[in-house]
Amino acid sequence: MLIALLLAGAVAGCDREKPGAEQAATPQANVSAGEAAAGAAHFVHQVDRGQAGKAAPTATFRGPDDAPVTLAAFRGRPLLVNLWATWCAPCVAEMPTLDALAAERGDRLAVIAVAQDLQGAEIVDPWFQKAKLKALQPYVDPQNGLLDAAGSALPTSILYDAQGRELWRVIGAIDWQGEEAKALLAEGGV
């Protein structure tokens, strides 16, 4: 198990944001659209089915309207939760493909991107405005409750079934428009 966790951290590329003065620079939401598209061909990830059947965590985070929300609010249809941060380059690079997935399959799959930035909406909302995403909305988890529950690194995407049970997780960045992602989603009936 320890080896799997170490491998997952190495694959994902981002760990946790450092508070305040420890942060190397301002959040790195500076990956251009061209860089993101070019980076999609080089995404590195691993698929983990070791938590299949596990119930979604009960951690509270904030919705686009700043109201508290839990993953239970999305029960009734499959849910893809992407844990990411504005300072995590692989996270930012995969975001356009995740947005396209949300736009294409939003009628049968809920897709939410939950930022793990310690500054919350203060940094995430401007990032969303700059990114001009069409389908995703800014959810924030500055307490990192979902990331702690996942016991993972960033980015991590977890697919839950309509009853809130985990099917699989992708640790690291993946092209959500690619064939591998389509096959994974088909496993969940979406």
N, C-alpha and C. Protein backbone atom coordinates (compact mmCIF):
# COMPACT_ATOMS: atom_id res chain seq x y z
N MET A 1 0.83 -1.19 0.00
CA MET A 1 0.00 0.00 0.00
C MET A 1 0.88 1.26 0.00
N LEU A 2 1.95 1.25 0.79
CA LEU A 2 2.84 2.40 0.85
C LEU A 2 3.46 2.67 -0.51
N ILE A 3 3.85 1.62 -1.20
CA ILE A 3 4.44 1.79 -2.53
C ILE A 3 3.43 2.42 -3.48
N ALA A 4 2.17 1.98 -3.41
CA ALA A 4 1.14 2.56 -4.27
C ALA A 4 0.95 4.04 -3.99
N LEU A 5 0.97 4.44 -2.73
CA LEU A 5 0.83 5.85 -2.39
C LEU A 5 2.01 6.67 -2.88
N LEU A 6 3.22 6.14 -2.74
CA LEU A 6 4.40 6.86 -3.23
C LEU A 6 4.36 6.99 -4.74
N LEU A 7 3.95 5.93 -5.43
CA LEU A 7 3.83 5.98 -6.88
C LEU A 7 2.78 6.99 -7.29
N ALA A 8 1.66 7.01 -6.59
CA ALA A 8 0.60 7.96 -6.91
C ALA A 8 1.09 9.39 -6.78
N GLY A 9 1.85 9.67 -5.74
CA GLY A 9 2.39 11.02 -5.57
C GLY A 9 3.36 11.39 -6.68
N ALA A 10 4.16 10.43 -7.09
CA ALA A 10 5.12 10.70 -8.16
C ALA A 10 4.43 10.90 -9.49
N VAL A 11 3.34 10.17 -9.73
CA VAL A 11 2.61 10.28 -10.99
C VAL A 11 1.89 11.62 -11.07
N ALA A 12 1.25 12.02 -10.01
CA ALA A 12 0.40 13.21 -10.04
C ALA A 12 1.20 14.49 -10.22
N GLY A 13 2.31 14.62 -9.57
CA GLY A 13 3.16 15.78 -9.78
C GLY A 13 2.92 16.94 -8.83
N CYS A 14 1.78 17.07 -8.21
CA CYS A 14 1.50 18.17 -7.28
C CYS A 14 1.10 17.58 -5.94
N ASP A 15 1.54 18.20 -4.87
CA ASP A 15 1.19 17.72 -3.56
C ASP A 15 0.21 18.68 -2.92
N ARG A 16 0.65 19.49 -2.01
CA ARG A 16 -0.22 20.45 -1.33
C ARG A 16 0.37 21.84 -1.48
N GLU A 17 -0.51 22.82 -1.48
CA GLU A 17 -0.08 24.21 -1.52
C GLU A 17 0.57 24.56 -0.19
N LYS A 18 1.65 25.29 -0.25
CA LYS A 18 2.31 25.73 0.97
C LYS A 18 1.68 27.03 1.43
N PRO A 19 1.43 27.16 2.73
CA PRO A 19 0.82 28.38 3.22
C PRO A 19 1.75 29.58 3.13
N GLY A 20 1.14 30.72 2.91
CA GLY A 20 1.78 32.03 2.98
C GLY A 20 3.18 32.14 2.45
N ALA A 21 4.13 32.48 3.32
CA ALA A 21 5.50 32.78 2.94
C ALA A 21 6.23 31.58 2.35
N GLU A 22 5.74 30.37 2.60
CA GLU A 22 6.39 29.19 2.05
C GLU A 22 6.10 29.02 0.57
N GLN A 23 5.06 29.69 0.08
CA GLN A 23 4.68 29.55 -1.33
C GLN A 23 5.76 30.16 -2.21
N ALA A 24 6.17 29.43 -3.24
CA ALA A 24 7.26 29.88 -4.10
C ALA A 24 6.89 31.13 -4.89
N ALA A 25 5.66 31.22 -5.32
CA ALA A 25 5.21 32.35 -6.13
C ALA A 25 3.71 32.43 -6.03
N THR A 26 3.14 33.41 -6.71
CA THR A 26 1.69 33.48 -6.74
C THR A 26 1.17 32.26 -7.47
N PRO A 27 -0.11 31.90 -7.29
CA PRO A 27 -0.65 30.71 -7.91
C PRO A 27 -0.34 30.67 -9.41
N GLN A 28 0.02 29.50 -9.88
CA GLN A 28 0.53 29.33 -11.23
C GLN A 28 -0.58 29.08 -12.24
N ALA A 29 -1.58 29.91 -12.25
CA ALA A 29 -2.66 29.77 -13.23
C ALA A 29 -2.23 30.43 -14.52
N ASN A 30 -1.04 30.12 -14.95
CA ASN A 30 -0.46 30.81 -16.08
C ASN A 30 -0.13 29.87 -17.23
N VAL A 31 -0.78 28.72 -17.29
CA VAL A 31 -0.60 27.81 -18.41
C VAL A 31 -1.53 28.28 -19.51
N SER A 32 -0.97 28.62 -20.66
CA SER A 32 -1.78 29.13 -21.76
C SER A 32 -2.60 28.00 -22.39
N ALA A 33 -3.59 28.37 -23.17
CA ALA A 33 -4.42 27.38 -23.86
C ALA A 33 -3.56 26.51 -24.77
N GLY A 34 -2.59 27.12 -25.45
CA GLY A 34 -1.71 26.36 -26.33
C GLY A 34 -0.87 25.37 -25.56
N GLU A 35 -0.34 25.80 -24.41
CA GLU A 35 0.45 24.89 -23.58
C GLU A 35 -0.41 23.77 -23.05
N ALA A 36 -1.64 24.09 -22.67
CA ALA A 36 -2.55 23.06 -22.16
C ALA A 36 -2.84 22.03 -23.24
N ALA A 37 -3.12 22.49 -24.46
CA ALA A 37 -3.40 21.57 -25.57
C ALA A 37 -2.18 20.71 -25.87
N ALA A 38 -1.01 21.32 -25.88
CA ALA A 38 0.22 20.56 -26.15
C ALA A 38 0.50 19.59 -25.02
N GLY A 39 0.22 19.99 -23.80
CA GLY A 39 0.47 19.13 -22.64
C GLY A 39 -0.45 17.94 -22.58
N ALA A 40 -1.63 18.01 -23.20
CA ALA A 40 -2.58 16.92 -23.15
C ALA A 40 -1.99 15.62 -23.69
N ALA A 41 -1.13 15.73 -24.67
CA ALA A 41 -0.52 14.53 -25.25
C ALA A 41 0.47 13.88 -24.28
N HIS A 42 0.90 14.62 -23.26
CA HIS A 42 1.92 14.12 -22.35
C HIS A 42 1.40 13.93 -20.93
N PHE A 43 0.09 13.89 -20.75
CA PHE A 43 -0.47 13.71 -19.41
C PHE A 43 0.00 12.38 -18.84
N VAL A 44 0.34 12.40 -17.57
CA VAL A 44 0.77 11.20 -16.87
C VAL A 44 -0.24 10.94 -15.76
N HIS A 45 -0.70 9.70 -15.67
CA HIS A 45 -1.69 9.36 -14.66
C HIS A 45 -1.67 7.86 -14.39
N GLN A 46 -2.39 7.49 -13.36
CA GLN A 46 -2.62 6.08 -13.08
C GLN A 46 -4.08 5.93 -12.66
N VAL A 47 -4.68 4.82 -13.04
CA VAL A 47 -6.06 4.52 -12.66
C VAL A 47 -6.00 3.61 -11.44
N ASP A 48 -6.76 3.96 -10.41
CA ASP A 48 -6.78 3.21 -9.16
C ASP A 48 -8.21 2.75 -8.90
N ARG A 49 -8.40 1.45 -8.80
CA ARG A 49 -9.71 0.88 -8.48
C ARG A 49 -9.74 0.30 -7.07
N GLY A 50 -8.71 0.57 -6.30
CA GLY A 50 -8.57 0.02 -4.95
C GLY A 50 -9.59 0.53 -3.95
N GLN A 51 -10.25 1.63 -4.24
CA GLN A 51 -11.25 2.19 -3.32
C GLN A 51 -12.68 1.95 -3.83
N ALA A 52 -12.82 1.12 -4.86
CA ALA A 52 -14.15 0.86 -5.45
C ALA A 52 -15.13 0.39 -4.37
N GLY A 53 -16.32 0.96 -4.41
CA GLY A 53 -17.36 0.62 -3.45
C GLY A 53 -17.39 1.51 -2.22
N LYS A 54 -16.33 2.27 -1.99
CA LYS A 54 -16.25 3.16 -0.83
C LYS A 54 -17.23 4.32 -1.00
N ALA A 55 -17.92 4.67 0.08
CA ALA A 55 -18.88 5.78 0.05
C ALA A 55 -18.15 7.11 -0.11
N ALA A 56 -18.81 8.03 -0.79
CA ALA A 56 -18.26 9.38 -0.96
C ALA A 56 -18.07 10.03 0.41
N PRO A 57 -17.01 10.82 0.57
CA PRO A 57 -16.78 11.46 1.86
C PRO A 57 -17.88 12.49 2.17
N THR A 58 -17.99 12.81 3.44
CA THR A 58 -19.02 13.75 3.90
C THR A 58 -18.48 15.16 4.10
N ALA A 59 -17.25 15.40 3.71
CA ALA A 59 -16.62 16.72 3.90
C ALA A 59 -17.46 17.81 3.24
N THR A 60 -17.53 18.94 3.90
CA THR A 60 -18.24 20.10 3.37
C THR A 60 -17.27 21.01 2.64
N PHE A 61 -17.70 21.52 1.48
CA PHE A 61 -16.93 22.49 0.70
C PHE A 61 -17.89 23.56 0.23
N ARG A 62 -17.45 24.52 -0.57
CA ARG A 62 -18.28 25.65 -0.98
C ARG A 62 -18.63 25.56 -2.46
N GLY A 63 -19.90 25.86 -2.76
CA GLY A 63 -20.37 25.87 -4.13
C GLY A 63 -20.13 27.21 -4.80
N PRO A 64 -20.49 27.32 -6.08
CA PRO A 64 -20.29 28.58 -6.82
C PRO A 64 -21.02 29.77 -6.18
N ASP A 65 -22.08 29.49 -5.43
CA ASP A 65 -22.84 30.54 -4.75
C ASP A 65 -22.31 30.79 -3.33
N ASP A 66 -21.19 30.18 -2.97
CA ASP A 66 -20.54 30.27 -1.66
C ASP A 66 -21.32 29.55 -0.56
N ALA A 67 -22.34 28.78 -0.93
CA ALA A 67 -23.09 28.01 0.06
C ALA A 67 -22.36 26.70 0.34
N PRO A 68 -22.46 26.20 1.58
CA PRO A 68 -21.84 24.91 1.89
C PRO A 68 -22.55 23.78 1.12
N VAL A 69 -21.76 22.80 0.70
CA VAL A 69 -22.29 21.67 -0.06
C VAL A 69 -21.47 20.43 0.27
N THR A 70 -22.08 19.27 0.11
CA THR A 70 -21.38 17.99 0.23
C THR A 70 -21.64 17.19 -1.04
N LEU A 71 -20.89 16.13 -1.23
CA LEU A 71 -21.07 15.30 -2.43
C LEU A 71 -22.44 14.62 -2.44
N ALA A 72 -23.06 14.46 -1.28
CA ALA A 72 -24.39 13.85 -1.21
C ALA A 72 -25.42 14.65 -2.01
N ALA A 73 -25.19 15.94 -2.18
CA ALA A 73 -26.13 16.78 -2.95
C ALA A 73 -26.20 16.38 -4.41
N PHE A 74 -25.24 15.60 -4.89
CA PHE A 74 -25.19 15.22 -6.30
C PHE A 74 -25.70 13.80 -6.55
N ARG A 75 -26.18 13.13 -5.52
CA ARG A 75 -26.67 11.76 -5.70
C ARG A 75 -27.85 11.73 -6.65
N GLY A 76 -28.00 10.61 -7.32
CA GLY A 76 -29.09 10.43 -8.27
C GLY A 76 -28.60 10.25 -9.70
N ARG A 77 -27.36 10.65 -9.94
CA ARG A 77 -26.71 10.38 -11.22
C ARG A 77 -25.21 10.30 -10.96
N PRO A 78 -24.47 9.69 -11.87
CA PRO A 78 -23.02 9.58 -11.66
C PRO A 78 -22.38 10.96 -11.49
N LEU A 79 -21.29 10.99 -10.72
CA LEU A 79 -20.60 12.23 -10.40
C LEU A 79 -19.09 12.05 -10.59
N LEU A 80 -18.49 12.93 -11.36
CA LEU A 80 -17.04 12.96 -11.50
C LEU A 80 -16.53 14.18 -10.73
N VAL A 81 -15.73 13.94 -9.71
CA VAL A 81 -15.16 15.00 -8.88
C VAL A 81 -13.69 15.14 -9.23
N ASN A 82 -13.30 16.33 -9.64
CA ASN A 82 -11.90 16.61 -9.96
C ASN A 82 -11.35 17.50 -8.85
N LEU A 83 -10.33 17.01 -8.17
CA LEU A 83 -9.64 17.79 -7.13
C LEU A 83 -8.42 18.41 -7.79
N TRP A 84 -8.33 19.72 -7.73
CA TRP A 84 -7.30 20.46 -8.47
C TRP A 84 -6.93 21.72 -7.71
N ALA A 85 -5.98 22.48 -8.23
CA ALA A 85 -5.61 23.78 -7.67
C ALA A 85 -5.05 24.66 -8.78
N THR A 86 -5.20 25.96 -8.60
CA THR A 86 -4.72 26.91 -9.61
C THR A 86 -3.21 26.90 -9.74
N TRP A 87 -2.49 26.50 -8.70
CA TRP A 87 -1.02 26.50 -8.70
C TRP A 87 -0.44 25.18 -9.22
N CYS A 88 -1.28 24.22 -9.55
CA CYS A 88 -0.85 22.89 -9.99
C CYS A 88 -0.90 22.83 -11.52
N ALA A 89 0.26 22.85 -12.17
CA ALA A 89 0.32 22.90 -13.64
C ALA A 89 -0.41 21.74 -14.31
N PRO A 90 -0.25 20.48 -13.88
CA PRO A 90 -1.01 19.40 -14.53
C PRO A 90 -2.53 19.58 -14.37
N CYS A 91 -2.94 20.12 -13.22
CA CYS A 91 -4.37 20.37 -12.98
C CYS A 91 -4.91 21.36 -13.99
N VAL A 92 -4.20 22.47 -14.13
CA VAL A 92 -4.62 23.55 -15.03
C VAL A 92 -4.61 23.05 -16.47
N ALA A 93 -3.61 22.25 -16.83
CA ALA A 93 -3.50 21.76 -18.20
C ALA A 93 -4.66 20.85 -18.60
N GLU A 94 -5.18 20.05 -17.66
CA GLU A 94 -6.27 19.14 -18.01
C GLU A 94 -7.65 19.82 -17.95
N MET A 95 -7.72 21.01 -17.38
CA MET A 95 -9.01 21.66 -17.17
C MET A 95 -9.82 21.89 -18.46
N PRO A 96 -9.23 22.30 -19.57
CA PRO A 96 -10.05 22.47 -20.79
C PRO A 96 -10.70 21.16 -21.26
N THR A 97 -10.01 20.03 -21.09
CA THR A 97 -10.62 18.76 -21.52
C THR A 97 -11.72 18.35 -20.55
N LEU A 98 -11.57 18.68 -19.27
CA LEU A 98 -12.61 18.40 -18.28
C LEU A 98 -13.84 19.27 -18.54
N ASP A 99 -13.61 20.53 -18.89
CA ASP A 99 -14.72 21.44 -19.22
C ASP A 99 -15.49 20.92 -20.44
N ALA A 100 -14.77 20.44 -21.44
CA ALA A 100 -15.42 19.89 -22.63
C ALA A 100 -16.25 18.66 -22.27
N LEU A 101 -15.73 17.82 -21.38
CA LEU A 101 -16.48 16.65 -20.92
C LEU A 101 -17.77 17.08 -20.23
N ALA A 102 -17.68 18.06 -19.35
CA ALA A 102 -18.86 18.55 -18.64
C ALA A 102 -19.90 19.10 -19.61
N ALA A 103 -19.45 19.78 -20.65
CA ALA A 103 -20.37 20.33 -21.64
C ALA A 103 -21.04 19.22 -22.45
N GLU A 104 -20.28 18.19 -22.80
CA GLU A 104 -20.80 17.10 -23.63
C GLU A 104 -21.72 16.15 -22.88
N ARG A 105 -21.39 15.84 -21.65
CA ARG A 105 -22.11 14.78 -20.92
C ARG A 105 -22.87 15.28 -19.70
N GLY A 106 -23.02 16.57 -19.56
CA GLY A 106 -23.66 17.15 -18.40
C GLY A 106 -25.08 16.68 -18.14
N ASP A 107 -25.74 16.17 -19.18
CA ASP A 107 -27.12 15.69 -19.00
C ASP A 107 -27.17 14.35 -18.28
N ARG A 108 -26.08 13.57 -18.32
CA ARG A 108 -26.10 12.26 -17.67
C ARG A 108 -24.96 12.05 -16.67
N LEU A 109 -24.10 13.04 -16.53
CA LEU A 109 -22.97 12.97 -15.61
C LEU A 109 -22.74 14.35 -15.00
N ALA A 110 -22.78 14.42 -13.68
CA ALA A 110 -22.40 15.66 -13.01
C ALA A 110 -20.88 15.71 -12.94
N VAL A 111 -20.30 16.83 -13.34
CA VAL A 111 -18.85 17.02 -13.31
C VAL A 111 -18.57 18.27 -12.50
N ILE A 112 -17.81 18.11 -11.41
CA ILE A 112 -17.44 19.27 -10.62
C ILE A 112 -15.93 19.29 -10.41
N ALA A 113 -15.37 20.47 -10.49
CA ALA A 113 -13.96 20.69 -10.22
C ALA A 113 -13.88 21.45 -8.90
N VAL A 114 -13.28 20.82 -7.91
CA VAL A 114 -13.22 21.40 -6.57
C VAL A 114 -11.78 21.83 -6.27
N ALA A 115 -11.56 23.14 -6.27
CA ALA A 115 -10.23 23.70 -6.06
C ALA A 115 -9.80 23.51 -4.60
N GLN A 116 -8.55 23.13 -4.42
CA GLN A 116 -7.97 22.91 -3.10
C GLN A 116 -7.07 24.07 -2.69
N ASP A 117 -7.22 25.22 -3.34
CA ASP A 117 -6.43 26.41 -3.01
C ASP A 117 -6.78 26.90 -1.61
N LEU A 118 -5.76 27.19 -0.82
CA LEU A 118 -5.97 27.64 0.55
C LEU A 118 -6.70 28.98 0.61
N GLN A 119 -6.56 29.83 -0.43
CA GLN A 119 -7.22 31.14 -0.45
C GLN A 119 -8.67 31.05 -0.90
N GLY A 120 -9.14 29.90 -1.33
CA GLY A 120 -10.53 29.70 -1.71
C GLY A 120 -10.96 30.55 -2.89
N ALA A 121 -12.19 31.05 -2.82
CA ALA A 121 -12.80 31.80 -3.92
C ALA A 121 -12.00 33.05 -4.30
N GLU A 122 -11.28 33.61 -3.36
CA GLU A 122 -10.48 34.82 -3.62
C GLU A 122 -9.51 34.62 -4.79
N ILE A 123 -8.98 33.42 -4.94
CA ILE A 123 -8.05 33.13 -6.03
C ILE A 123 -8.71 32.32 -7.14
N VAL A 124 -9.67 31.47 -6.80
CA VAL A 124 -10.28 30.56 -7.78
C VAL A 124 -11.26 31.29 -8.70
N ASP A 125 -12.08 32.18 -8.16
CA ASP A 125 -13.05 32.89 -9.00
C ASP A 125 -12.37 33.69 -10.12
N PRO A 126 -11.32 34.47 -9.83
CA PRO A 126 -10.63 35.17 -10.92
C PRO A 126 -10.00 34.20 -11.93
N TRP A 127 -9.50 33.07 -11.44
CA TRP A 127 -8.93 32.08 -12.36
C TRP A 127 -10.00 31.60 -13.34
N PHE A 128 -11.19 31.29 -12.83
CA PHE A 128 -12.29 30.83 -13.70
C PHE A 128 -12.67 31.90 -14.72
N GLN A 129 -12.71 33.16 -14.31
CA GLN A 129 -13.04 34.24 -15.25
C GLN A 129 -12.00 34.31 -16.36
N LYS A 130 -10.74 34.18 -15.99
CA LYS A 130 -9.66 34.25 -16.98
C LYS A 130 -9.68 33.03 -17.91
N ALA A 131 -9.99 31.86 -17.37
CA ALA A 131 -9.97 30.61 -18.15
C ALA A 131 -11.13 30.50 -19.14
N LYS A 132 -12.22 31.23 -18.88
CA LYS A 132 -13.39 31.22 -19.78
C LYS A 132 -13.92 29.81 -20.05
N LEU A 133 -14.04 29.02 -18.99
CA LEU A 133 -14.61 27.69 -19.12
C LEU A 133 -16.12 27.82 -19.36
N LYS A 134 -16.66 26.90 -20.13
CA LYS A 134 -18.06 27.00 -20.53
C LYS A 134 -19.03 26.24 -19.64
N ALA A 135 -18.61 25.12 -19.07
CA ALA A 135 -19.54 24.27 -18.33
C ALA A 135 -19.20 24.14 -16.84
N LEU A 136 -17.94 24.13 -16.50
CA LEU A 136 -17.54 23.97 -15.10
C LEU A 136 -17.81 25.24 -14.30
N GLN A 137 -18.10 25.05 -13.02
CA GLN A 137 -18.32 26.15 -12.10
C GLN A 137 -17.27 26.07 -10.99
N PRO A 138 -16.97 27.21 -10.33
CA PRO A 138 -15.92 27.19 -9.29
C PRO A 138 -16.40 26.71 -7.92
N TYR A 139 -16.06 25.47 -7.60
CA TYR A 139 -16.25 24.93 -6.25
C TYR A 139 -14.91 25.05 -5.54
N VAL A 140 -14.94 25.34 -4.23
CA VAL A 140 -13.69 25.51 -3.49
C VAL A 140 -13.72 24.72 -2.18
N ASP A 141 -12.56 24.22 -1.82
CA ASP A 141 -12.39 23.45 -0.59
C ASP A 141 -11.08 23.89 0.07
N PRO A 142 -11.04 25.14 0.60
CA PRO A 142 -9.78 25.64 1.18
C PRO A 142 -9.31 24.86 2.40
N GLN A 143 -10.18 24.10 3.02
CA GLN A 143 -9.78 23.27 4.16
C GLN A 143 -9.20 21.93 3.70
N ASN A 144 -9.26 21.66 2.39
CA ASN A 144 -8.74 20.42 1.80
C ASN A 144 -9.40 19.16 2.37
N GLY A 145 -10.66 19.28 2.77
CA GLY A 145 -11.39 18.13 3.34
C GLY A 145 -11.53 16.98 2.35
N LEU A 146 -11.83 17.30 1.08
CA LEU A 146 -11.98 16.24 0.08
C LEU A 146 -10.63 15.60 -0.25
N LEU A 147 -9.60 16.41 -0.34
CA LEU A 147 -8.27 15.88 -0.63
C LEU A 147 -7.79 15.00 0.52
N ASP A 148 -8.04 15.42 1.76
CA ASP A 148 -7.68 14.60 2.91
C ASP A 148 -8.42 13.27 2.88
N ALA A 149 -9.72 13.31 2.57
CA ALA A 149 -10.52 12.09 2.52
C ALA A 149 -10.03 11.16 1.41
N ALA A 150 -9.60 11.74 0.29
CA ALA A 150 -9.10 10.93 -0.82
C ALA A 150 -7.72 10.36 -0.53
N GLY A 151 -6.97 11.02 0.34
CA GLY A 151 -5.62 10.58 0.65
C GLY A 151 -4.75 10.52 -0.60
N SER A 152 -4.86 11.56 -1.42
CA SER A 152 -4.21 11.55 -2.72
C SER A 152 -3.45 12.84 -2.96
N ALA A 153 -2.94 12.98 -4.17
CA ALA A 153 -2.25 14.18 -4.61
C ALA A 153 -3.09 14.84 -5.70
N LEU A 154 -2.65 15.98 -6.19
CA LEU A 154 -3.38 16.70 -7.23
C LEU A 154 -2.72 16.50 -8.58
N PRO A 155 -3.49 16.45 -9.64
CA PRO A 155 -4.94 16.31 -9.66
C PRO A 155 -5.36 14.87 -9.39
N THR A 156 -6.53 14.73 -8.80
CA THR A 156 -7.17 13.43 -8.65
C THR A 156 -8.63 13.60 -9.06
N SER A 157 -9.11 12.68 -9.89
CA SER A 157 -10.51 12.69 -10.31
C SER A 157 -11.13 11.37 -9.88
N ILE A 158 -12.30 11.46 -9.25
CA ILE A 158 -12.96 10.27 -8.72
C ILE A 158 -14.36 10.18 -9.32
N LEU A 159 -14.70 8.99 -9.86
CA LEU A 159 -16.04 8.75 -10.38
C LEU A 159 -16.85 8.01 -9.34
N TYR A 160 -18.00 8.60 -8.98
CA TYR A 160 -18.95 7.98 -8.06
C TYR A 160 -20.19 7.58 -8.85
N ASP A 161 -20.81 6.45 -8.46
CA ASP A 161 -22.05 6.05 -9.11
C ASP A 161 -23.20 6.90 -8.56
N ALA A 162 -24.40 6.66 -9.04
CA ALA A 162 -25.56 7.47 -8.66
C ALA A 162 -25.88 7.35 -7.17
N GLN A 163 -25.41 6.29 -6.52
CA GLN A 163 -25.65 6.11 -5.08
C GLN A 163 -24.50 6.67 -4.23
N GLY A 164 -23.49 7.26 -4.86
CA GLY A 164 -22.40 7.86 -4.11
C GLY A 164 -21.29 6.90 -3.74
N ARG A 165 -21.13 5.80 -4.48
CA ARG A 165 -20.05 4.85 -4.23
C ARG A 165 -18.96 5.02 -5.30
N GLU A 166 -17.72 5.01 -4.86
CA GLU A 166 -16.61 5.18 -5.78
C GLU A 166 -16.49 3.99 -6.73
N LEU A 167 -16.26 4.32 -8.02
CA LEU A 167 -16.01 3.29 -9.03
C LEU A 167 -14.51 3.18 -9.32
N TRP A 168 -13.86 4.32 -9.51
CA TRP A 168 -12.42 4.39 -9.77
C TRP A 168 -11.96 5.81 -9.56
N ARG A 169 -10.64 5.97 -9.57
CA ARG A 169 -10.05 7.31 -9.50
C ARG A 169 -8.86 7.36 -10.45
N VAL A 170 -8.65 8.54 -11.00
CA VAL A 170 -7.50 8.80 -11.84
C VAL A 170 -6.61 9.76 -11.05
N ILE A 171 -5.39 9.32 -10.79
CA ILE A 171 -4.43 10.15 -10.07
C ILE A 171 -3.45 10.68 -11.10
N GLY A 172 -3.43 11.99 -11.25
CA GLY A 172 -2.64 12.63 -12.29
C GLY A 172 -3.57 13.19 -13.35
N ALA A 173 -2.99 13.82 -14.34
CA ALA A 173 -3.78 14.47 -15.39
C ALA A 173 -4.09 13.47 -16.51
N ILE A 174 -5.30 13.58 -17.04
CA ILE A 174 -5.75 12.73 -18.14
C ILE A 174 -6.46 13.62 -19.16
N ASP A 175 -6.41 13.23 -20.40
CA ASP A 175 -7.16 13.92 -21.45
C ASP A 175 -8.59 13.39 -21.42
N TRP A 176 -9.51 14.18 -20.88
CA TRP A 176 -10.89 13.74 -20.72
C TRP A 176 -11.62 13.59 -22.06
N GLN A 177 -10.99 14.00 -23.15
CA GLN A 177 -11.55 13.81 -24.48
C GLN A 177 -10.95 12.59 -25.18
N GLY A 178 -9.97 11.97 -24.56
CA GLY A 178 -9.25 10.84 -25.16
C GLY A 178 -9.98 9.52 -25.01
N GLU A 179 -9.48 8.53 -25.73
CA GLU A 179 -10.11 7.20 -25.75
C GLU A 179 -10.05 6.50 -24.39
N GLU A 180 -8.95 6.65 -23.67
CA GLU A 180 -8.86 6.00 -22.37
C GLU A 180 -9.92 6.54 -21.41
N ALA A 181 -10.10 7.85 -21.38
CA ALA A 181 -11.11 8.46 -20.51
C ALA A 181 -12.51 8.00 -20.92
N LYS A 182 -12.76 7.94 -22.20
CA LYS A 182 -14.08 7.48 -22.68
C LYS A 182 -14.36 6.05 -22.22
N ALA A 183 -13.34 5.19 -22.30
CA ALA A 183 -13.51 3.80 -21.84
C ALA A 183 -13.76 3.74 -20.34
N LEU A 184 -13.04 4.55 -19.57
CA LEU A 184 -13.24 4.59 -18.12
C LEU A 184 -14.67 5.05 -17.79
N LEU A 185 -15.12 6.10 -18.45
CA LEU A 185 -16.46 6.61 -18.19
C LEU A 185 -17.53 5.59 -18.58
N ALA A 186 -17.27 4.82 -19.63
CA ALA A 186 -18.22 3.79 -20.06
C ALA A 186 -18.39 2.74 -18.95
N GLU A 187 -17.34 2.48 -18.17
CA GLU A 187 -17.45 1.55 -17.06
C GLU A 187 -18.52 2.01 -16.06
N GLY A 188 -18.70 3.32 -15.97
CA GLY A 188 -19.69 3.89 -15.06
C GLY A 188 -21.04 4.14 -15.73
N GLY A 189 -21.15 3.71 -16.98
CA GLY A 189 -22.43 3.87 -17.69
C GLY A 189 -22.66 5.27 -18.23
N VAL A 190 -21.59 6.05 -18.37
CA VAL A 190 -21.74 7.41 -18.91
C VAL A 190 -20.88 7.64 -20.14
